[in-house]
Amino acid sequence: MNFSQRFTDLLEEEMTTAKQLGVKLGIDHTSIYLYLQGSLPNVKNAVKLANFYNCTLNYLFGLDYYPNEYTFFKTYNSSLFFERYTGLLKIRKVSHYKICKDCGIGNSSFIRWKDGREPKLETLIKISDYLKCNIDYLIGRSNDL
C-alpha cells in the first residue's frame, strides 16, 4: 500500500473531508488534496498527519501493517537526523557515498544535513529502507530502530 491509498483510507475512516482535516491540522487544504493524489508532504506535515491518526510514519507511508508497530513520540527533533544517520552508517558498515549511489541521492546532501537541514521525505523513506530502520527513528520521533 502506498501513502495516498493509506491516507485516503484513514481520511475515510475518520469520516472527515480534506478541507476539515486541513483546518484541524493547520495544513492548507490544497496540500491535503495533493497528498490524496500521491504527492508526499514535508516532514512537518507528515508528523502532523501521523499524530492525528496516532500512527507511525512507516504506517502512514504504507511501509508497516500496524499503526503502532513501535513506540513513537508526538514530537520530533530533526536535529537528531544527522547524528542518527551517521551512527547507522557505522553500525551497518556502509558509506554515505554508497547510499547516495544506490538510492540516487545527491552526494552533497551530507553537508546540508550536517548543517542541520532535514532531508526530504522521499529521501528519508529511501534511507530508512536502505539502513533497515524506521523513519520515526531517523527524525527523532522514536528510539526504536
C-alpha atoms as a PDB file:
ATOM      1  CA  MET A   1       0.000   0.000   0.000  1.00  0.00           C
ATOM      2  CA  ASN A   2       1.319   3.458  -0.803  1.00  0.00           C
ATOM      3  CA  PHE A   3       0.890   6.755   1.012  1.00  0.00           C
ATOM      4  CA  SER A   4      -2.065   8.109  -0.971  1.00  0.00           C
ATOM      5  CA  GLN A   5      -4.011   4.848  -0.531  1.00  0.00           C
ATOM      6  CA  ARG A   6      -3.283   4.698   3.199  1.00  0.00           C
ATOM      7  CA  PHE A   7      -4.083   8.377   3.652  1.00  0.00           C
ATOM      8  CA  THR A   8      -7.347   8.037   1.718  1.00  0.00           C
ATOM      9  CA  ASP A   9      -8.352   5.077   3.890  1.00  0.00           C
ATOM     10  CA  LEU A  10      -7.522   6.956   7.089  1.00  0.00           C
ATOM     11  CA  LEU A  11      -9.431  10.026   5.950  1.00  0.00           C
ATOM     12  CA  GLU A  12     -12.490   7.907   5.096  1.00  0.00           C
ATOM     13  CA  GLU A  13     -12.325   6.077   8.456  1.00  0.00           C
ATOM     14  CA  GLU A  14     -12.270   9.425  10.238  1.00  0.00           C
ATOM     15  CA  MET A  15     -15.284  10.493   8.159  1.00  0.00           C
ATOM     16  CA  THR A  16     -13.922  13.960   7.617  1.00  0.00           C
ATOM     17  CA  THR A  17     -13.210  15.955   4.490  1.00  0.00           C
ATOM     18  CA  ALA A  18      -9.822  17.059   3.281  1.00  0.00           C
ATOM     19  CA  LYS A  19     -10.811  20.644   3.979  1.00  0.00           C
ATOM     20  CA  GLN A  20     -11.911  19.856   7.549  1.00  0.00           C
ATOM     21  CA  LEU A  21      -8.697  17.952   8.193  1.00  0.00           C
ATOM     22  CA  GLY A  22      -6.634  20.823   6.826  1.00  0.00           C
ATOM     23  CA  VAL A  23      -8.330  23.244   9.217  1.00  0.00           C
ATOM     24  CA  LYS A  24      -7.827  20.896  12.197  1.00  0.00           C
ATOM     25  CA  LEU A  25      -4.135  20.429  11.453  1.00  0.00           C
ATOM     26  CA  GLY A  26      -3.244  23.841  10.094  1.00  0.00           C
ATOM     27  CA  ILE A  27      -2.375  22.427   6.681  1.00  0.00           C
ATOM     28  CA  ASP A  28      -3.653  24.139   3.551  1.00  0.00           C
ATOM     29  CA  HIS A  29      -6.500  22.048   2.118  1.00  0.00           C
ATOM     30  CA  THR A  30      -4.953  22.156  -1.350  1.00  0.00           C
ATOM     31  CA  SER A  31      -1.932  20.369   0.120  1.00  0.00           C
ATOM     32  CA  ILE A  32      -4.248  17.740   1.588  1.00  0.00           C
ATOM     33  CA  TYR A  33      -5.789  17.197  -1.861  1.00  0.00           C
ATOM     34  CA  LEU A  34      -2.302  16.860  -3.372  1.00  0.00           C
ATOM     35  CA  TYR A  35      -1.411  14.237  -0.744  1.00  0.00           C
ATOM     36  CA  LEU A  36      -4.532  12.288  -1.667  1.00  0.00           C
ATOM     37  CA  GLN A  37      -3.344  12.336  -5.281  1.00  0.00           C
ATOM     38  CA  GLY A  38       0.082  10.985  -4.395  1.00  0.00           C
ATOM     39  CA  SER A  39       2.271  13.957  -3.515  1.00  0.00           C
ATOM     40  CA  LEU A  40       4.321  13.472  -0.378  1.00  0.00           C
ATOM     41  CA  PRO A  41       4.114  16.021   2.428  1.00  0.00           C
ATOM     42  CA  ASN A  42       7.096  17.669   4.020  1.00  0.00           C
ATOM     43  CA  VAL A  43       8.313  16.130   7.277  1.00  0.00           C
ATOM     44  CA  LYS A  44       6.468  18.645   9.464  1.00  0.00           C
ATOM     45  CA  ASN A  45       3.100  17.938   7.818  1.00  0.00           C
ATOM     46  CA  ALA A  46       3.753  14.184   7.764  1.00  0.00           C
ATOM     47  CA  VAL A  47       4.272  14.274  11.540  1.00  0.00           C
ATOM     48  CA  LYS A  48       1.058  16.283  11.961  1.00  0.00           C
ATOM     49  CA  LEU A  49      -0.835  13.645   9.977  1.00  0.00           C
ATOM     50  CA  ALA A  50       0.752  10.732  11.836  1.00  0.00           C
ATOM     51  CA  ASN A  51      -0.037  12.371  15.172  1.00  0.00           C
ATOM     52  CA  PHE A  52      -3.628  12.997  14.141  1.00  0.00           C
ATOM     53  CA  TYR A  53      -4.059   9.350  13.162  1.00  0.00           C
ATOM     54  CA  ASN A  54      -1.969   8.181  16.134  1.00  0.00           C
ATOM     55  CA  CYS A  55       0.334   6.132  13.953  1.00  0.00           C
ATOM     56  CA  THR A  56       3.946   5.774  12.958  1.00  0.00           C
ATOM     57  CA  LEU A  57       5.298   7.403   9.842  1.00  0.00           C
ATOM     58  CA  ASN A  58       6.126   3.968   8.483  1.00  0.00           C
ATOM     59  CA  TYR A  59       2.456   3.018   8.780  1.00  0.00           C
ATOM     60  CA  LEU A  60       1.300   6.287   7.220  1.00  0.00           C
ATOM     61  CA  PHE A  61       3.539   5.686   4.209  1.00  0.00           C
ATOM     62  CA  GLY A  62       2.459   2.088   3.780  1.00  0.00           C
ATOM     63  CA  LEU A  63       5.714   0.561   4.998  1.00  0.00           C
ATOM     64  CA  ASP A  64       4.228  -1.215   8.060  1.00  0.00           C
ATOM     65  CA  TYR A  65       0.987  -3.126   8.511  1.00  0.00           C
ATOM     66  CA  TYR A  66       0.181  -1.919  12.021  1.00  0.00           C
ATOM     67  CA  PRO A  67      -0.218   1.711  13.104  1.00  0.00           C
ATOM     68  CA  ASN A  68       1.734   1.256  16.333  1.00  0.00           C
ATOM     69  CA  GLU A  69       4.428  -1.195  15.238  1.00  0.00           C
ATOM     70  CA  TYR A  70       6.883   0.536  17.585  1.00  0.00           C
ATOM     71  CA  THR A  71       6.814   3.265  20.234  1.00  0.00           C
ATOM     72  CA  PHE A  72       6.794   6.828  18.908  1.00  0.00           C
ATOM     73  CA  PHE A  73       6.590  10.352  20.276  1.00  0.00           C
ATOM     74  CA  LYS A  74       4.223  13.116  19.195  1.00  0.00           C
ATOM     75  CA  THR A  75       7.140  15.477  18.675  1.00  0.00           C
ATOM     76  CA  TYR A  76      10.266  15.060  16.632  1.00  0.00           C
ATOM     77  CA  ASN A  77      13.705  16.564  16.647  1.00  0.00           C
ATOM     78  CA  SER A  78      15.071  16.915  13.128  1.00  0.00           C
ATOM     79  CA  SER A  79      18.457  17.916  14.527  1.00  0.00           C
ATOM     80  CA  LEU A  80      18.851  14.272  15.591  1.00  0.00           C
ATOM     81  CA  PHE A  81      18.744  13.115  11.983  1.00  0.00           C
ATOM     82  CA  PHE A  82      22.413  13.664  11.175  1.00  0.00           C
ATOM     83  CA  GLU A  83      23.571  12.028  14.407  1.00  0.00           C
ATOM     84  CA  ARG A  84      21.333   9.013  13.890  1.00  0.00           C
ATOM     85  CA  TYR A  85      22.166   8.748  10.201  1.00  0.00           C
ATOM     86  CA  THR A  86      25.921   8.760  10.773  1.00  0.00           C
ATOM     87  CA  GLY A  87      25.517   6.312  13.658  1.00  0.00           C
ATOM     88  CA  LEU A  88      23.623   3.912  11.410  1.00  0.00           C
ATOM     89  CA  LEU A  89      26.268   4.242   8.712  1.00  0.00           C
ATOM     90  CA  LYS A  90      28.812   2.944  11.241  1.00  0.00           C
ATOM     91  CA  ILE A  91      26.550   0.179  12.548  1.00  0.00           C
ATOM     92  CA  ARG A  92      25.627  -1.013   9.041  1.00  0.00           C
ATOM     93  CA  LYS A  93      29.212  -0.527   7.797  1.00  0.00           C
ATOM     94  CA  VAL A  94      28.181   1.464   4.757  1.00  0.00           C
ATOM     95  CA  SER A  95      29.357   4.827   3.448  1.00  0.00           C
ATOM     96  CA  HIS A  96      27.289   7.871   2.655  1.00  0.00           C
ATOM     97  CA  TYR A  97      28.693   7.707  -0.873  1.00  0.00           C
ATOM     98  CA  LYS A  98      27.378   4.136  -1.281  1.00  0.00           C
ATOM     99  CA  ILE A  99      23.889   5.101  -0.105  1.00  0.00           C
ATOM    100  CA  CYS A 100      23.869   8.100  -2.433  1.00  0.00           C
ATOM    101  CA  LYS A 101      24.916   5.954  -5.358  1.00  0.00           C
ATOM    102  CA  ASP A 102      22.449   3.135  -4.627  1.00  0.00           C
ATOM    103  CA  CYS A 103      19.497   5.394  -3.772  1.00  0.00           C
ATOM    104  CA  GLY A 104      20.001   8.229  -6.227  1.00  0.00           C
ATOM    105  CA  ILE A 105      20.620  10.837  -3.525  1.00  0.00           C
ATOM    106  CA  GLY A 106      22.935  13.781  -4.199  1.00  0.00           C
ATOM    107  CA  ASN A 107      26.316  13.308  -2.542  1.00  0.00           C
ATOM    108  CA  SER A 108      26.301  16.937  -1.345  1.00  0.00           C
ATOM    109  CA  SER A 109      23.325  16.157   0.892  1.00  0.00           C
ATOM    110  CA  PHE A 110      25.735  15.103   3.644  1.00  0.00           C
ATOM    111  CA  ILE A 111      26.942  18.698   4.063  1.00  0.00           C
ATOM    112  CA  ARG A 112      23.402  20.103   4.115  1.00  0.00           C
ATOM    113  CA  TRP A 113      22.348  17.552   6.743  1.00  0.00           C
ATOM    114  CA  LYS A 114      25.451  18.238   8.803  1.00  0.00           C
ATOM    115  CA  ASP A 115      24.459  21.926   8.765  1.00  0.00           C
ATOM    116  CA  GLY A 116      21.086  20.999  10.288  1.00  0.00           C
ATOM    117  CA  ARG A 117      18.788  20.753   7.278  1.00  0.00           C
ATOM    118  CA  GLU A 118      16.409  17.846   7.287  1.00  0.00           C
ATOM    119  CA  PRO A 119      16.109  15.625   4.235  1.00  0.00           C
ATOM    120  CA  LYS A 120      13.009  15.479   2.098  1.00  0.00           C
ATOM    121  CA  LEU A 121      10.538  12.768   2.969  1.00  0.00           C
ATOM    122  CA  GLU A 122      11.323  10.852  -0.220  1.00  0.00           C
ATOM    123  CA  THR A 123      14.956  10.721   0.869  1.00  0.00           C
ATOM    124  CA  LEU A 124      14.040   9.641   4.411  1.00  0.00           C
ATOM    125  CA  ILE A 125      11.999   6.768   3.004  1.00  0.00           C
ATOM    126  CA  LYS A 126      14.909   5.620   0.824  1.00  0.00           C
ATOM    127  CA  ILE A 127      17.389   5.883   3.691  1.00  0.00           C
ATOM    128  CA  SER A 128      15.156   4.062   6.162  1.00  0.00           C
ATOM    129  CA  ASP A 129      14.681   1.241   3.680  1.00  0.00           C
ATOM    130  CA  TYR A 130      18.378   1.034   2.874  1.00  0.00           C
ATOM    131  CA  LEU A 131      19.522   1.163   6.503  1.00  0.00           C
ATOM    132  CA  LYS A 132      16.705  -1.110   7.737  1.00  0.00           C
ATOM    133  CA  CYS A 133      15.300   1.330  10.265  1.00  0.00           C
ATOM    134  CA  ASN A 134      12.086   3.262  10.623  1.00  0.00           C
ATOM    135  CA  ILE A 135      11.512   6.835   9.519  1.00  0.00           C
ATOM    136  CA  ASP A 136      10.482   7.912  13.013  1.00  0.00           C
ATOM    137  CA  TYR A 137      13.849   6.792  14.376  1.00  0.00           C
ATOM    138  CA  LEU A 138      15.724   8.850  11.803  1.00  0.00           C
ATOM    139  CA  ILE A 139      13.941  12.094  12.735  1.00  0.00           C
ATOM    140  CA  GLY A 140      13.964  11.516  16.493  1.00  0.00           C
ATOM    141  CA  ARG A 141      10.286  10.615  16.804  1.00  0.00           C
ATOM    142  CA  SER A 142      11.172   7.149  18.103  1.00  0.00           C
ATOM    143  CA  ASN A 143      14.094   5.473  19.814  1.00  0.00           C
ATOM    144  CA  ASP A 144      13.219   2.119  18.250  1.00  0.00           C
ATOM    145  CA  LEU A 145      15.136   1.174  15.144  1.00  0.00           C
END
